[in-house]
Each structure stands twice: as structure tokens, then as C-alpha cells.
């Protein structure tokens, strides 16, 4: 019974120490601005059907397609907020990147 009480006391002290360290980090970050995505930004959407890729909300960005080994296969400038691109891809897995969005796609 004494061992369990001792373990409980040790656990409480370790939790208190971790909590105090977290408070110190929070206190040192006061006044700092947290950067992130603006609230009014619509996320980029990708939809793949066969060899066609439909991209929404990516006007001005570049659509890049890579093989699974990392070789760049295609690079397409997106000129509107709702655009489709036909790609001549063979069956397999590919990596698609538009802005900060990166997805793995499979062409069947």
C-alpha cells in the first residue's frame, strides 16, 4: 500500500513540473502574433476521374504531377478558380501538388 501512495505522490510531482513548464512557455509567448491561414481563404480542392484532374479555388497556382519516384511529369498553370486538366498518365500512383496541397492519386 505504501508503494502505491509513493507512486501517486511521485506522479503528482511530475505532473506539476510538466504543467509549470507549459505555463512558462505560454507566458514567454505573450504578445507574439500567431501566423496562420486567413479565415476567408477557400481551400484548394482536387478531384480525379481517370486521366482528368478537376481543380477548384487554385487560380494563379501551378498544378504539378510527379511520379512515385519523384520525377516531374507535368506542370500546368491554373488560370481560373474552376479548371479541369486532361493528363495522359499510364496506370499507377502519382503525387499531385497545387500550392501547399499535396495528394497521392491512383490512375486505374
C-alpha atoms as a PDB file:
ATOM      1  CA  UNK A   1       0.000   0.000   0.000  1.00  0.00           C
ATOM      2  CA  UNK A   2       2.863   2.374   0.820  1.00  0.00           C
ATOM      3  CA  UNK A   3       4.331   1.758  -2.678  1.00  0.00           C
ATOM      4  CA  UNK A   4       1.094   2.860  -4.352  1.00  0.00           C
ATOM      5  CA  UNK A   5       0.921   6.032  -2.279  1.00  0.00           C
ATOM      6  CA  UNK A   6       4.557   6.797  -3.076  1.00  0.00           C
ATOM      7  CA  UNK A   7       3.903   6.278  -6.810  1.00  0.00           C
ATOM      8  CA  UNK A   8       0.875   8.559  -6.609  1.00  0.00           C
ATOM      9  CA  UNK A   9       2.921  11.298  -4.921  1.00  0.00           C
ATOM     10  CA  UNK A  10       5.723  10.957  -7.486  1.00  0.00           C
ATOM     11  CA  UNK A  11       3.144  11.132 -10.315  1.00  0.00           C
ATOM     12  CA  UNK A  12       1.635  14.290  -8.879  1.00  0.00           C
ATOM     13  CA  UNK A  13       5.036  15.978  -8.613  1.00  0.00           C
ATOM     14  CA  UNK A  14       5.970  15.043 -12.202  1.00  0.00           C
ATOM     15  CA  UNK A  15       2.613  16.309 -13.491  1.00  0.00           C
ATOM     16  CA  UNK A  16       3.012  19.584 -11.588  1.00  0.00           C
ATOM     17  CA  UNK A  17       6.502  20.057 -13.018  1.00  0.00           C
ATOM     18  CA  UNK A  18       5.315  19.475 -16.585  1.00  0.00           C
ATOM     19  CA  UNK A  19       2.391  21.832 -16.064  1.00  0.00           C
ATOM     20  CA  UNK A  20       4.663  24.553 -14.689  1.00  0.00           C
ATOM     21  CA  UNK A  21       6.951  24.201 -17.705  1.00  0.00           C
ATOM     22  CA  UNK A  22       3.966  24.579 -20.061  1.00  0.00           C
ATOM     23  CA  UNK A  23       2.865  27.718 -18.223  1.00  0.00           C
ATOM     24  CA  UNK A  24       6.364  29.176 -18.607  1.00  0.00           C
ATOM     25  CA  UNK A  25       6.254  28.592 -22.375  1.00  0.00           C
ATOM     26  CA  UNK A  26       2.840  30.229 -22.634  1.00  0.00           C
ATOM     27  CA  UNK A  27       3.991  33.176 -20.533  1.00  0.00           C
ATOM     28  CA  UNK A  28       7.069  33.689 -22.716  1.00  0.00           C
ATOM     29  CA  UNK A  29       4.914  33.735 -25.887  1.00  0.00           C
ATOM     30  CA  UNK A  30       2.634  36.516 -24.672  1.00  0.00           C
ATOM     31  CA  UNK A  31       2.408  39.353 -27.145  1.00  0.00           C
ATOM     32  CA  UNK A  32       3.574  37.210 -30.053  1.00  0.00           C
ATOM     33  CA  UNK A  33       1.414  37.009 -33.166  1.00  0.00           C
ATOM     34  CA  UNK A  34       0.456  33.513 -34.290  1.00  0.00           C
ATOM     35  CA  UNK A  35       0.605  33.260 -38.060  1.00  0.00           C
ATOM     36  CA  UNK A  36      -1.749  31.017 -39.984  1.00  0.00           C
ATOM     37  CA  UNK A  37      -4.078  30.955 -42.929  1.00  0.00           C
ATOM     38  CA  UNK A  38      -6.513  33.840 -43.174  1.00  0.00           C
ATOM     39  CA  UNK A  39     -10.075  32.888 -42.276  1.00  0.00           C
ATOM     40  CA  UNK A  40     -11.572  33.953 -45.611  1.00  0.00           C
ATOM     41  CA  UNK A  41      -9.369  31.683 -47.785  1.00  0.00           C
ATOM     42  CA  UNK A  42     -11.235  28.879 -49.556  1.00  0.00           C
ATOM     43  CA  UNK A  43      -9.238  25.624 -49.563  1.00  0.00           C
ATOM     44  CA  UNK A  44      -7.976  24.135 -52.808  1.00  0.00           C
ATOM     45  CA  UNK A  45      -9.952  21.068 -53.914  1.00  0.00           C
ATOM     46  CA  UNK A  46      -8.795  18.270 -56.215  1.00  0.00           C
ATOM     47  CA  UNK A  47     -10.914  15.637 -57.878  1.00  0.00           C
ATOM     48  CA  UNK A  48      -9.532  12.909 -60.151  1.00  0.00           C
ATOM     49  CA  UNK A  49     -11.535  10.889 -62.675  1.00  0.00           C
ATOM     50  CA  UNK A  50      -9.478   8.710 -64.992  1.00  0.00           C
ATOM     51  CA  UNK A  51      -6.876  10.973 -66.615  1.00  0.00           C
ATOM     52  CA  UNK A  52      -8.751  14.204 -65.800  1.00  0.00           C
ATOM     53  CA  UNK A  53      -7.934  16.341 -62.757  1.00  0.00           C
ATOM     54  CA  UNK A  54     -10.519  18.908 -61.652  1.00  0.00           C
ATOM     55  CA  UNK A  55      -9.061  21.749 -59.542  1.00  0.00           C
ATOM     56  CA  UNK A  56     -11.093  24.349 -57.645  1.00  0.00           C
ATOM     57  CA  UNK A  57     -10.001  27.514 -55.818  1.00  0.00           C
ATOM     58  CA  UNK A  58      -6.465  27.494 -57.218  1.00  0.00           C
ATOM     59  CA  UNK A  59      -6.386  30.430 -59.627  1.00  0.00           C
ATOM     60  CA  UNK A  60      -2.821  31.590 -60.244  1.00  0.00           C
ATOM     61  CA  UNK A  61      -1.245  28.448 -58.755  1.00  0.00           C
ATOM     62  CA  UNK A  62       0.661  25.705 -60.561  1.00  0.00           C
ATOM     63  CA  UNK A  63      -0.510  22.086 -60.678  1.00  0.00           C
ATOM     64  CA  UNK A  64       2.491  19.749 -60.595  1.00  0.00           C
ATOM     65  CA  UNK A  65       2.350  15.995 -61.148  1.00  0.00           C
ATOM     66  CA  UNK A  66       5.207  13.724 -60.035  1.00  0.00           C
ATOM     67  CA  UNK A  67       5.785  10.010 -60.471  1.00  0.00           C
ATOM     68  CA  UNK A  68       6.066   7.950 -57.309  1.00  0.00           C
ATOM     69  CA  UNK A  69       9.852   8.046 -57.779  1.00  0.00           C
ATOM     70  CA  UNK A  70       9.860  11.854 -57.726  1.00  0.00           C
ATOM     71  CA  UNK A  71      10.275  12.628 -61.438  1.00  0.00           C
ATOM     72  CA  UNK A  72       8.210  15.641 -62.558  1.00  0.00           C
ATOM     73  CA  UNK A  73       5.709  14.556 -65.197  1.00  0.00           C
ATOM     74  CA  UNK A  74       3.613  17.685 -65.760  1.00  0.00           C
ATOM     75  CA  UNK A  75       3.341  21.299 -64.699  1.00  0.00           C
ATOM     76  CA  UNK A  76       0.168  23.245 -65.513  1.00  0.00           C
ATOM     77  CA  UNK A  77      -0.640  26.882 -64.648  1.00  0.00           C
ATOM     78  CA  UNK A  78      -4.183  27.165 -63.251  1.00  0.00           C
ATOM     79  CA  UNK A  79      -5.858  30.208 -64.816  1.00  0.00           C
ATOM     80  CA  UNK A  80      -9.338  30.047 -63.226  1.00  0.00           C
ATOM     81  CA  UNK A  81     -10.969  29.037 -59.937  1.00  0.00           C
ATOM     82  CA  UNK A  82     -12.674  26.030 -61.548  1.00  0.00           C
ATOM     83  CA  UNK A  83     -10.492  24.237 -64.070  1.00  0.00           C
ATOM     84  CA  UNK A  84     -10.054  20.722 -65.444  1.00  0.00           C
ATOM     85  CA  UNK A  85      -6.857  19.370 -66.932  1.00  0.00           C
ATOM     86  CA  UNK A  86      -6.543  16.250 -69.038  1.00  0.00           C
ATOM     87  CA  UNK A  87      -3.352  14.316 -68.356  1.00  0.00           C
ATOM     88  CA  UNK A  88      -2.053  11.411 -70.388  1.00  0.00           C
ATOM     89  CA  UNK A  89      -0.971   9.219 -67.477  1.00  0.00           C
ATOM     90  CA  UNK A  90      -0.454   5.475 -67.517  1.00  0.00           C
ATOM     91  CA  UNK A  91      -1.853   3.294 -64.754  1.00  0.00           C
ATOM     92  CA  UNK A  92      -0.077   3.810 -61.451  1.00  0.00           C
ATOM     93  CA  UNK A  93       0.376   6.094 -58.448  1.00  0.00           C
ATOM     94  CA  UNK A  94       1.314   9.760 -58.734  1.00  0.00           C
ATOM     95  CA  UNK A  95       1.896  12.738 -56.443  1.00  0.00           C
ATOM     96  CA  UNK A  96      -0.102  15.896 -57.242  1.00  0.00           C
ATOM     97  CA  UNK A  97       0.820  19.276 -55.786  1.00  0.00           C
ATOM     98  CA  UNK A  98      -1.165  22.530 -56.015  1.00  0.00           C
ATOM     99  CA  UNK A  99       0.144  25.338 -53.827  1.00  0.00           C
ATOM    100  CA  UNK A 100       0.508  23.826 -50.322  1.00  0.00           C
ATOM    101  CA  UNK A 101      -1.843  20.928 -51.063  1.00  0.00           C
ATOM    102  CA  UNK A 102      -0.114  17.612 -51.828  1.00  0.00           C
ATOM    103  CA  UNK A 103      -2.045  14.407 -52.594  1.00  0.00           C
ATOM    104  CA  UNK A 104      -1.317  10.893 -53.800  1.00  0.00           C
ATOM    105  CA  UNK A 105      -3.549   9.771 -56.643  1.00  0.00           C
ATOM    106  CA  UNK A 106      -4.021   6.441 -58.385  1.00  0.00           C
ATOM    107  CA  UNK A 107      -4.804   6.089 -62.075  1.00  0.00           C
ATOM    108  CA  UNK A 108      -6.614   2.819 -62.703  1.00  0.00           C
END
